[in-house]
Amino acid sequence: MTRLISFGHGYSARALARRLLPQGWDIAGTTRNPDKTEDLRADGVTPLPWDRTAIEAALDGTTHLLISAGPTEAGDPTLALMGAALRDRADQFTWVGYLSTTGVYGDHGGAWVDEDTALTPGTERGARRVAAEAAWADQGLPVHTFRLAGIYGPGRGPFEKVRQGTARRIIKPGQVFSRIHVDDIAQVLEASITRPDPGAVYNVCDDDPAPPQDVLSFAARLLGRPEPPAVNFEDTDMAPMARSFYAESKKVRNNRIKTELGVTLRHPDYRSGLRALLAAEALAD
């Protein structure tokens, strides 16, 4: 039986687990919230408290690691807690996946970036990710880095705000974002597990970087609702965190996941992804 420990078992990790568990994988996921342990068990995942002793015991027989927990001001939390134990067991791991962000590239004024583009983060969050990527690469582990674009999927989409009438089309000329459906994140991770290449870095995004207002307009059309009102970026009262996302504009290339991992995206653009989300909602009703 192949065993994976997922550090910070969240949205993307759950999608990967849904692919691996039917294949007979044994998956354990860490959580700091005791209230989530039953949810993990219901998914078929063994819950692990964020505790060095408990996690170290679970490392016996573990061959794969997925790191989703993001860095803080103090650095990477997984390395702080478990770095020494992981380095001591480096030879037993076949694959280590680190989930990073395309925010490491910073702002490129809407131009294209790829995995060889210099890392010039423009936010504190991006700088922390750059430092965390470097720290993981320095552990002597078979680390694979995945730079994720904006994630959407079941429970994470524009439909609820459109239905509630709270959606706004924020207009900032030249602003584009890249996105990725969570199911495509999962298939990229599985493809990498199947074809390990320690040290590899992959951009994980779809084929169609687009202005955020276009996504909301399309979601409204799918729902048969009026187009959300347009608001100039400079006139918004967004929270600093939300505003910071608009400080960077770039188009992210995803060629490497196709040529090196053989991935064919299920949702190559937001239109495909949103149609699928709405269809899944209809089946669930």
C-alpha atoms as a PDB file:
ATOM      1  CA  MET A   1       0.000   0.000   0.000  1.00  0.00           C
ATOM      2  CA  THR A   2       1.302   3.431  -0.950  1.00  0.00           C
ATOM      3  CA  ARG A   3       1.123   5.998   1.838  1.00  0.00           C
ATOM      4  CA  LEU A   4       0.915   9.796   1.611  1.00  0.00           C
ATOM      5  CA  ILE A   5       0.919  12.369   4.400  1.00  0.00           C
ATOM      6  CA  SER A   6      -0.731  15.659   3.507  1.00  0.00           C
ATOM      7  CA  PHE A   7       0.485  18.616   5.587  1.00  0.00           C
ATOM      8  CA  GLY A   8      -2.316  21.168   5.820  1.00  0.00           C
ATOM      9  CA  HIS A   9      -4.946  18.926   4.247  1.00  0.00           C
ATOM     10  CA  GLY A  10      -7.106  21.504   2.499  1.00  0.00           C
ATOM     11  CA  TYR A  11      -9.071  22.108  -0.676  1.00  0.00           C
ATOM     12  CA  SER A  12      -6.519  20.960  -3.253  1.00  0.00           C
ATOM     13  CA  ALA A  13      -5.302  18.051  -1.120  1.00  0.00           C
ATOM     14  CA  ARG A  14      -8.853  16.763  -0.755  1.00  0.00           C
ATOM     15  CA  ALA A  15      -9.234  16.758  -4.538  1.00  0.00           C
ATOM     16  CA  LEU A  16      -6.048  14.705  -4.879  1.00  0.00           C
ATOM     17  CA  ALA A  17      -7.252  12.294  -2.191  1.00  0.00           C
ATOM     18  CA  ARG A  18     -10.448  11.701  -4.160  1.00  0.00           C
ATOM     19  CA  ARG A  19      -8.293  10.441  -7.040  1.00  0.00           C
ATOM     20  CA  LEU A  20      -5.847   8.353  -5.009  1.00  0.00           C
ATOM     21  CA  LEU A  21      -8.050   6.677  -2.400  1.00  0.00           C
ATOM     22  CA  PRO A  22      -9.986   4.533  -4.927  1.00  0.00           C
ATOM     23  CA  GLN A  23      -6.588   3.232  -6.111  1.00  0.00           C
ATOM     24  CA  GLY A  24      -5.827   1.846  -2.657  1.00  0.00           C
ATOM     25  CA  TRP A  25      -3.672   4.652  -1.277  1.00  0.00           C
ATOM     26  CA  ASP A  26      -3.392   5.196   2.470  1.00  0.00           C
ATOM     27  CA  ILE A  27      -3.646   8.945   3.136  1.00  0.00           C
ATOM     28  CA  ALA A  28      -3.210  10.840   6.389  1.00  0.00           C
ATOM     29  CA  GLY A  29      -3.870  14.570   6.652  1.00  0.00           C
ATOM     30  CA  THR A  30      -2.814  17.038   9.304  1.00  0.00           C
ATOM     31  CA  THR A  31      -5.217  19.495  10.876  1.00  0.00           C
ATOM     32  CA  ARG A  32      -4.951  22.067  13.644  1.00  0.00           C
ATOM     33  CA  ASN A  33      -8.727  22.031  14.133  1.00  0.00           C
ATOM     34  CA  PRO A  34     -10.068  19.032  16.099  1.00  0.00           C
ATOM     35  CA  ASP A  35     -13.542  19.775  14.717  1.00  0.00           C
ATOM     36  CA  LYS A  36     -12.345  18.718  11.254  1.00  0.00           C
ATOM     37  CA  THR A  37     -11.201  15.231  12.232  1.00  0.00           C
ATOM     38  CA  GLU A  38     -14.570  13.620  11.535  1.00  0.00           C
ATOM     39  CA  ASP A  39     -14.729  15.316   8.138  1.00  0.00           C
ATOM     40  CA  LEU A  40     -11.338  13.832   7.273  1.00  0.00           C
ATOM     41  CA  ARG A  41     -12.437  10.370   8.382  1.00  0.00           C
ATOM     42  CA  ALA A  42     -15.613  10.697   6.332  1.00  0.00           C
ATOM     43  CA  ASP A  43     -13.423  11.359   3.293  1.00  0.00           C
ATOM     44  CA  GLY A  44     -11.361   8.237   4.010  1.00  0.00           C
ATOM     45  CA  VAL A  45      -8.373  10.236   5.273  1.00  0.00           C
ATOM     46  CA  THR A  46      -6.692   9.484   8.606  1.00  0.00           C
ATOM     47  CA  PRO A  47      -6.615  12.697  10.678  1.00  0.00           C
ATOM     48  CA  LEU A  48      -3.313  13.741  12.238  1.00  0.00           C
ATOM     49  CA  PRO A  49      -3.021  16.475  14.867  1.00  0.00           C
ATOM     50  CA  TRP A  50      -0.436  19.172  14.213  1.00  0.00           C
ATOM     51  CA  ASP A  51       1.919  17.500  16.673  1.00  0.00           C
ATOM     52  CA  ARG A  52       5.537  16.463  16.089  1.00  0.00           C
ATOM     53  CA  THR A  53       5.305  13.161  17.950  1.00  0.00           C
ATOM     54  CA  ALA A  54       2.096  12.048  16.244  1.00  0.00           C
ATOM     55  CA  ILE A  55       3.313  13.012  12.773  1.00  0.00           C
ATOM     56  CA  GLU A  56       6.718  11.401  13.257  1.00  0.00           C
ATOM     57  CA  ALA A  57       5.047   8.120  14.218  1.00  0.00           C
ATOM     58  CA  ALA A  58       2.897   8.353  11.077  1.00  0.00           C
ATOM     59  CA  LEU A  59       5.991   8.756   8.899  1.00  0.00           C
ATOM     60  CA  ASP A  60       6.776   5.059   9.243  1.00  0.00           C
ATOM     61  CA  GLY A  61       6.077   3.537   5.844  1.00  0.00           C
ATOM     62  CA  THR A  62       5.235   6.877   4.238  1.00  0.00           C
ATOM     63  CA  THR A  63       6.549   7.257   0.690  1.00  0.00           C
ATOM     64  CA  HIS A  64       4.884  10.490  -0.467  1.00  0.00           C
ATOM     65  CA  LEU A  65       4.371  13.933   1.088  1.00  0.00           C
ATOM     66  CA  LEU A  66       2.159  16.825   0.021  1.00  0.00           C
ATOM     67  CA  ILE A  67       2.798  20.240   1.538  1.00  0.00           C
ATOM     68  CA  SER A  68      -0.152  22.635   1.365  1.00  0.00           C
ATOM     69  CA  ALA A  69       0.394  24.658   4.537  1.00  0.00           C
ATOM     70  CA  GLY A  70       1.504  28.154   3.537  1.00  0.00           C
ATOM     71  CA  PRO A  71       4.381  30.117   5.085  1.00  0.00           C
ATOM     72  CA  THR A  72       3.899  32.693   7.813  1.00  0.00           C
ATOM     73  CA  GLU A  73       6.053  35.570   9.024  1.00  0.00           C
ATOM     74  CA  ALA A  74       8.056  32.957  10.937  1.00  0.00           C
ATOM     75  CA  GLY A  75       8.733  30.860   7.826  1.00  0.00           C
ATOM     76  CA  ASP A  76       7.421  27.518   6.622  1.00  0.00           C
ATOM     77  CA  PRO A  77       5.425  25.813   9.403  1.00  0.00           C
ATOM     78  CA  THR A  78       5.978  22.252   8.176  1.00  0.00           C
ATOM     79  CA  LEU A  79       9.744  22.652   8.065  1.00  0.00           C
ATOM     80  CA  ALA A  80       9.704  24.323  11.473  1.00  0.00           C
ATOM     81  CA  LEU A  81       7.828  21.397  12.983  1.00  0.00           C
ATOM     82  CA  MET A  82       9.120  18.436  10.981  1.00  0.00           C
ATOM     83  CA  GLY A  83      12.142  19.515   8.936  1.00  0.00           C
ATOM     84  CA  ALA A  84      14.734  17.533  10.909  1.00  0.00           C
ATOM     85  CA  ALA A  85      12.586  14.387  10.947  1.00  0.00           C
ATOM     86  CA  LEU A  86      11.979  14.596   7.204  1.00  0.00           C
ATOM     87  CA  ARG A  87      15.668  15.095   6.425  1.00  0.00           C
ATOM     88  CA  ASP A  88      16.559  12.097   8.593  1.00  0.00           C
ATOM     89  CA  ARG A  89      14.190   9.950   6.528  1.00  0.00           C
ATOM     90  CA  ALA A  90      14.946  11.480   3.135  1.00  0.00           C
ATOM     91  CA  ASP A  91      15.784   8.149   1.506  1.00  0.00           C
ATOM     92  CA  GLN A  92      12.335   6.695   2.160  1.00  0.00           C
ATOM     93  CA  PHE A  93      10.416   9.329   0.171  1.00  0.00           C
ATOM     94  CA  THR A  94       9.664   8.824  -3.520  1.00  0.00           C
ATOM     95  CA  TRP A  95       7.889  12.131  -4.065  1.00  0.00           C
ATOM     96  CA  VAL A  96       7.374  15.383  -2.173  1.00  0.00           C
ATOM     97  CA  GLY A  97       4.972  17.968  -3.589  1.00  0.00           C
ATOM     98  CA  TYR A  98       5.062  21.600  -2.469  1.00  0.00           C
ATOM     99  CA  LEU A  99       2.067  23.772  -3.384  1.00  0.00           C
ATOM    100  CA  SER A 100       3.232  27.308  -4.083  1.00  0.00           C
ATOM    101  CA  THR A 101       1.659  30.165  -6.044  1.00  0.00           C
ATOM    102  CA  THR A 102       2.135  32.076  -9.270  1.00  0.00           C
ATOM    103  CA  GLY A 103       2.421  35.114  -6.981  1.00  0.00           C
ATOM    104  CA  VAL A 104       6.159  34.370  -6.827  1.00  0.00           C
ATOM    105  CA  TYR A 105       6.524  36.031 -10.257  1.00  0.00           C
ATOM    106  CA  GLY A 106       5.182  39.396  -9.158  1.00  0.00           C
ATOM    107  CA  ASP A 107       3.737  41.923 -11.587  1.00  0.00           C
ATOM    108  CA  HIS A 108       4.528  41.689 -15.310  1.00  0.00           C
ATOM    109  CA  GLY A 109       2.066  44.222 -16.663  1.00  0.00           C
ATOM    110  CA  GLY A 110      -0.053  41.554 -18.337  1.00  0.00           C
ATOM    111  CA  ALA A 111       2.919  39.880 -20.095  1.00  0.00           C
ATOM    112  CA  TRP A 112       3.545  36.138 -20.219  1.00  0.00           C
ATOM    113  CA  VAL A 113       5.626  34.282 -17.628  1.00  0.00           C
ATOM    114  CA  ASP A 114       6.841  30.686 -17.439  1.00  0.00           C
ATOM    115  CA  GLU A 115       8.788  28.552 -14.971  1.00  0.00           C
ATOM    116  CA  ASP A 116      12.083  30.125 -16.044  1.00  0.00           C
ATOM    117  CA  THR A 117      10.921  33.689 -15.400  1.00  0.00           C
ATOM    118  CA  ALA A 118      12.814  35.427 -12.595  1.00  0.00           C
ATOM    119  CA  LEU A 119      11.031  35.476  -9.247  1.00  0.00           C
ATOM    120  CA  THR A 120      10.273  39.106  -8.412  1.00  0.00           C
ATOM    121  CA  PRO A 121       7.381  39.043  -5.921  1.00  0.00           C
ATOM    122  CA  GLY A 122       5.700  42.356  -5.256  1.00  0.00           C
ATOM    123  CA  THR A 123       3.846  41.375  -2.090  1.00  0.00           C
ATOM    124  CA  GLU A 124       4.886  40.075   1.299  1.00  0.00           C
ATOM    125  CA  ARG A 125       2.917  36.881   0.651  1.00  0.00           C
ATOM    126  CA  GLY A 126       4.789  36.321  -2.584  1.00  0.00           C
ATOM    127  CA  ALA A 127       8.155  36.944  -0.923  1.00  0.00           C
ATOM    128  CA  ARG A 128       7.332  34.377   1.756  1.00  0.00           C
ATOM    129  CA  ARG A 129       6.519  31.845  -0.930  1.00  0.00           C
ATOM    130  CA  VAL A 130       9.817  32.458  -2.703  1.00  0.00           C
ATOM    131  CA  ALA A 131      11.655  31.896   0.572  1.00  0.00           C
ATOM    132  CA  ALA A 132       9.624  28.761   1.290  1.00  0.00           C
ATOM    133  CA  GLU A 133      10.300  27.323  -2.169  1.00  0.00           C
ATOM    134  CA  ALA A 134      14.027  27.849  -1.632  1.00  0.00           C
ATOM    135  CA  ALA A 135      13.895  26.312   1.826  1.00  0.00           C
ATOM    136  CA  TRP A 136      12.164  23.178   0.590  1.00  0.00           C
ATOM    137  CA  ALA A 137      14.594  22.853  -2.315  1.00  0.00           C
ATOM    138  CA  ASP A 138      17.450  22.858   0.218  1.00  0.00           C
ATOM    139  CA  GLN A 139      16.229  19.899   2.304  1.00  0.00           C
ATOM    140  CA  GLY A 140      17.728  17.054   0.286  1.00  0.00           C
ATOM    141  CA  LEU A 141      14.233  15.711  -0.455  1.00  0.00           C
ATOM    142  CA  PRO A 142      12.678  14.804  -3.843  1.00  0.00           C
ATOM    143  CA  VAL A 143      10.711  18.055  -3.962  1.00  0.00           C
ATOM    144  CA  HIS A 144       8.409  18.998  -6.842  1.00  0.00           C
ATOM    145  CA  THR A 145       7.107  22.581  -6.798  1.00  0.00           C
ATOM    146  CA  PHE A 146       3.666  23.472  -8.134  1.00  0.00           C
ATOM    147  CA  ARG A 147       2.908  27.155  -8.674  1.00  0.00           C
ATOM    148  CA  LEU A 148      -0.860  27.386  -8.564  1.00  0.00           C
ATOM    149  CA  ALA A 149      -2.933  30.098 -10.204  1.00  0.00           C
ATOM    150  CA  GLY A 150      -6.245  31.280  -8.714  1.00  0.00           C
ATOM    151  CA  ILE A 151      -8.136  28.181  -7.590  1.00  0.00           C
ATOM    152  CA  TYR A 152     -11.827  27.607  -8.194  1.00  0.00           C
ATOM    153  CA  GLY A 153     -14.090  24.571  -8.086  1.00  0.00           C
ATOM    154  CA  PRO A 154     -17.041  23.154  -6.132  1.00  0.00           C
ATOM    155  CA  GLY A 155     -17.936  25.606  -3.395  1.00  0.00           C
ATOM    156  CA  ARG A 156     -15.443  28.121  -4.766  1.00  0.00           C
ATOM    157  CA  GLY A 157     -16.863  29.980  -7.697  1.00  0.00           C
ATOM    158  CA  PRO A 158     -18.624  33.217  -8.620  1.00  0.00           C
ATOM    159  CA  PHE A 159     -22.168  31.844  -8.678  1.00  0.00           C
ATOM    160  CA  GLU A 160     -23.139  32.547  -5.071  1.00  0.00           C
ATOM    161  CA  LYS A 161     -22.237  36.244  -5.236  1.00  0.00           C
ATOM    162  CA  VAL A 162     -24.045  36.584  -8.563  1.00  0.00           C
ATOM    163  CA  ARG A 163     -27.151  34.925  -7.104  1.00  0.00           C
ATOM    164  CA  GLN A 164     -27.038  37.136  -4.036  1.00  0.00           C
ATOM    165  CA  GLY A 165     -26.581  40.267  -6.114  1.00  0.00           C
ATOM    166  CA  THR A 166     -23.340  41.166  -4.326  1.00  0.00           C
ATOM    167  CA  ALA A 167     -20.995  40.521  -7.269  1.00  0.00           C
ATOM    168  CA  ARG A 168     -19.188  43.529  -8.747  1.00  0.00           C
ATOM    169  CA  ARG A 169     -17.128  43.664 -11.926  1.00  0.00           C
ATOM    170  CA  ILE A 170     -13.936  45.412 -10.814  1.00  0.00           C
ATOM    171  CA  ILE A 171     -12.519  47.191 -13.852  1.00  0.00           C
ATOM    172  CA  LYS A 172      -8.784  47.804 -13.972  1.00  0.00           C
ATOM    173  CA  PRO A 173      -7.531  48.274 -17.558  1.00  0.00           C
ATOM    174  CA  GLY A 174      -4.986  45.635 -18.555  1.00  0.00           C
ATOM    175  CA  GLN A 175      -5.677  43.423 -15.519  1.00  0.00           C
ATOM    176  CA  VAL A 176      -5.562  39.676 -16.216  1.00  0.00           C
ATOM    177  CA  PHE A 177      -5.438  36.670 -13.908  1.00  0.00           C
ATOM    178  CA  SER A 178      -4.724  33.016 -14.543  1.00  0.00           C
ATOM    179  CA  ARG A 179      -6.961  30.373 -12.962  1.00  0.00           C
ATOM    180  CA  ILE A 180      -7.138  26.626 -12.404  1.00  0.00           C
ATOM    181  CA  HIS A 181      -9.969  24.241 -11.560  1.00  0.00           C
ATOM    182  CA  VAL A 182      -9.205  22.162  -8.477  1.00  0.00           C
ATOM    183  CA  ASP A 183      -9.815  18.924 -10.393  1.00  0.00           C
ATOM    184  CA  ASP A 184      -7.034  19.888 -12.784  1.00  0.00           C
ATOM    185  CA  ILE A 185      -4.704  20.582  -9.855  1.00  0.00           C
ATOM    186  CA  ALA A 186      -5.408  17.052  -8.663  1.00  0.00           C
ATOM    187  CA  GLN A 187      -4.685  15.474 -12.017  1.00  0.00           C
ATOM    188  CA  VAL A 188      -1.422  17.424 -12.356  1.00  0.00           C
ATOM    189  CA  LEU A 189      -0.305  16.206  -8.928  1.00  0.00           C
ATOM    190  CA  GLU A 190      -1.229  12.619  -9.764  1.00  0.00           C
ATOM    191  CA  ALA A 191       0.629  12.847 -13.088  1.00  0.00           C
ATOM    192  CA  SER A 192       3.736  14.095 -11.268  1.00  0.00           C
ATOM    193  CA  ILE A 193       3.483  11.264  -8.735  1.00  0.00           C
ATOM    194  CA  THR A 194       3.390   8.854 -11.659  1.00  0.00           C
ATOM    195  CA  ARG A 195       6.380  10.557 -13.335  1.00  0.00           C
ATOM    196  CA  PRO A 196       8.546  11.865 -10.490  1.00  0.00           C
ATOM    197  CA  ASP A 197      11.265  14.341 -11.441  1.00  0.00           C
ATOM    198  CA  PRO A 198      12.812  15.748  -8.243  1.00  0.00           C
ATOM    199  CA  GLY A 199      13.600  19.434  -8.532  1.00  0.00           C
ATOM    200  CA  ALA A 200      10.942  20.055 -11.187  1.00  0.00           C
ATOM    201  CA  VAL A 201       8.815  23.207 -11.071  1.00  0.00           C
ATOM    202  CA  TYR A 202       5.399  23.408 -12.727  1.00  0.00           C
ATOM    203  CA  ASN A 203       2.985  26.236 -13.359  1.00  0.00           C
ATOM    204  CA  VAL A 204      -0.534  24.925 -12.765  1.00  0.00           C
ATOM    205  CA  CYS A 205      -3.057  27.076 -14.603  1.00  0.00           C
ATOM    206  CA  ASP A 206      -5.493  26.873 -17.481  1.00  0.00           C
ATOM    207  CA  ASP A 207      -5.005  28.055 -21.069  1.00  0.00           C
ATOM    208  CA  ASP A 208      -6.963  31.282 -20.853  1.00  0.00           C
ATOM    209  CA  PRO A 209      -5.771  34.136 -18.612  1.00  0.00           C
ATOM    210  CA  ALA A 210      -8.642  36.586 -18.491  1.00  0.00           C
ATOM    211  CA  PRO A 211      -9.851  39.807 -16.891  1.00  0.00           C
ATOM    212  CA  PRO A 212     -11.825  39.069 -13.710  1.00  0.00           C
ATOM    213  CA  GLN A 213     -14.859  41.005 -14.907  1.00  0.00           C
ATOM    214  CA  ASP A 214     -15.207  38.654 -17.888  1.00  0.00           C
ATOM    215  CA  VAL A 215     -15.565  35.682 -15.553  1.00  0.00           C
ATOM    216  CA  LEU A 216     -18.358  37.348 -13.587  1.00  0.00           C
ATOM    217  CA  SER A 217     -20.162  38.368 -16.764  1.00  0.00           C
ATOM    218  CA  PHE A 218     -20.053  34.801 -18.059  1.00  0.00           C
ATOM    219  CA  ALA A 219     -21.256  33.394 -14.728  1.00  0.00           C
ATOM    220  CA  ALA A 220     -24.209  35.781 -14.791  1.00  0.00           C
ATOM    221  CA  ARG A 221     -25.112  34.721 -18.336  1.00  0.00           C
ATOM    222  CA  LEU A 222     -25.024  31.052 -17.327  1.00  0.00           C
ATOM    223  CA  LEU A 223     -27.430  31.816 -14.491  1.00  0.00           C
ATOM    224  CA  GLY A 224     -29.672  33.987 -16.632  1.00  0.00           C
ATOM    225  CA  ARG A 225     -29.009  36.931 -14.312  1.00  0.00           C
ATOM    226  CA  PRO A 226     -28.226  40.567 -15.109  1.00  0.00           C
ATOM    227  CA  GLU A 227     -24.594  41.437 -15.581  1.00  0.00           C
ATOM    228  CA  PRO A 228     -23.087  42.551 -12.254  1.00  0.00           C
ATOM    229  CA  PRO A 229     -22.451  46.294 -12.005  1.00  0.00           C
ATOM    230  CA  ALA A 230     -19.073  47.627 -13.096  1.00  0.00           C
ATOM    231  CA  VAL A 231     -16.919  49.506 -10.588  1.00  0.00           C
ATOM    232  CA  ASN A 232     -13.623  51.216 -11.361  1.00  0.00           C
ATOM    233  CA  PHE A 233     -10.778  49.712  -9.350  1.00  0.00           C
ATOM    234  CA  GLU A 234      -9.778  53.099  -7.997  1.00  0.00           C
ATOM    235  CA  ASP A 235     -13.283  53.647  -6.634  1.00  0.00           C
ATOM    236  CA  THR A 236     -13.566  50.348  -4.741  1.00  0.00           C
ATOM    237  CA  ASP A 237     -13.450  49.923  -0.991  1.00  0.00           C
ATOM    238  CA  MET A 238     -11.833  46.483  -1.094  1.00  0.00           C
ATOM    239  CA  ALA A 239      -9.931  45.151   1.888  1.00  0.00           C
ATOM    240  CA  PRO A 240      -6.128  45.443   1.616  1.00  0.00           C
ATOM    241  CA  MET A 241      -5.772  41.695   0.985  1.00  0.00           C
ATOM    242  CA  ALA A 242      -8.204  41.742  -1.938  1.00  0.00           C
ATOM    243  CA  ARG A 243      -6.702  44.946  -3.303  1.00  0.00           C
ATOM    244  CA  SER A 244      -3.223  43.414  -3.284  1.00  0.00           C
ATOM    245  CA  PHE A 245      -4.278  40.817  -5.854  1.00  0.00           C
ATOM    246  CA  TYR A 246      -4.926  43.621  -8.310  1.00  0.00           C
ATOM    247  CA  ALA A 247      -1.388  44.931  -7.823  1.00  0.00           C
ATOM    248  CA  GLU A 248      -0.112  42.166 -10.121  1.00  0.00           C
ATOM    249  CA  SER A 249      -1.113  41.311 -13.676  1.00  0.00           C
ATOM    250  CA  LYS A 250       0.388  38.485 -15.731  1.00  0.00           C
ATOM    251  CA  LYS A 251      -0.425  35.608 -18.054  1.00  0.00           C
ATOM    252  CA  VAL A 252       1.024  32.285 -16.929  1.00  0.00           C
ATOM    253  CA  ARG A 253       2.188  29.622 -19.371  1.00  0.00           C
ATOM    254  CA  ASN A 254       1.386  25.984 -18.582  1.00  0.00           C
ATOM    255  CA  ASN A 255       3.306  24.179 -21.356  1.00  0.00           C
ATOM    256  CA  ARG A 256       5.398  22.119 -18.953  1.00  0.00           C
ATOM    257  CA  ILE A 257       2.495  20.218 -17.366  1.00  0.00           C
ATOM    258  CA  LYS A 258       1.499  19.151 -20.870  1.00  0.00           C
ATOM    259  CA  THR A 259       4.872  18.291 -22.384  1.00  0.00           C
ATOM    260  CA  GLU A 260       6.512  16.738 -19.308  1.00  0.00           C
ATOM    261  CA  LEU A 261       3.534  15.274 -17.461  1.00  0.00           C
ATOM    262  CA  GLY A 262       1.241  14.514 -20.389  1.00  0.00           C
ATOM    263  CA  VAL A 263      -1.676  16.393 -18.835  1.00  0.00           C
ATOM    264  CA  THR A 264      -4.748  17.300 -20.849  1.00  0.00           C
ATOM    265  CA  LEU A 265      -6.729  19.833 -18.866  1.00  0.00           C
ATOM    266  CA  ARG A 266     -10.333  18.919 -18.137  1.00  0.00           C
ATOM    267  CA  HIS A 267     -11.150  22.620 -17.942  1.00  0.00           C
ATOM    268  CA  PRO A 268      -8.814  24.549 -20.267  1.00  0.00           C
ATOM    269  CA  ASP A 269     -10.657  27.822 -19.651  1.00  0.00           C
ATOM    270  CA  TYR A 270     -13.019  29.352 -17.116  1.00  0.00           C
ATOM    271  CA  ARG A 271     -16.013  28.861 -19.417  1.00  0.00           C
ATOM    272  CA  SER A 272     -15.578  25.081 -19.384  1.00  0.00           C
ATOM    273  CA  GLY A 273     -14.980  25.080 -15.650  1.00  0.00           C
ATOM    274  CA  LEU A 274     -17.999  27.210 -14.778  1.00  0.00           C
ATOM    275  CA  ARG A 275     -20.304  25.177 -17.019  1.00  0.00           C
ATOM    276  CA  ALA A 276     -19.125  22.022 -15.251  1.00  0.00           C
ATOM    277  CA  LEU A 277     -19.723  23.538 -11.799  1.00  0.00           C
ATOM    278  CA  LEU A 278     -23.239  24.536 -12.721  1.00  0.00           C
ATOM    279  CA  ALA A 279     -23.978  21.124 -14.218  1.00  0.00           C
ATOM    280  CA  ALA A 280     -22.715  19.432 -11.043  1.00  0.00           C
ATOM    281  CA  GLU A 281     -24.965  21.684  -8.954  1.00  0.00           C
ATOM    282  CA  ALA A 282     -27.954  20.657 -11.035  1.00  0.00           C
ATOM    283  CA  LEU A 283     -27.178  16.946 -10.578  1.00  0.00           C
ATOM    284  CA  ALA A 284     -26.823  17.421  -6.825  1.00  0.00           C
ATOM    285  CA  ASP A 285     -30.247  19.071  -6.469  1.00  0.00           C
END
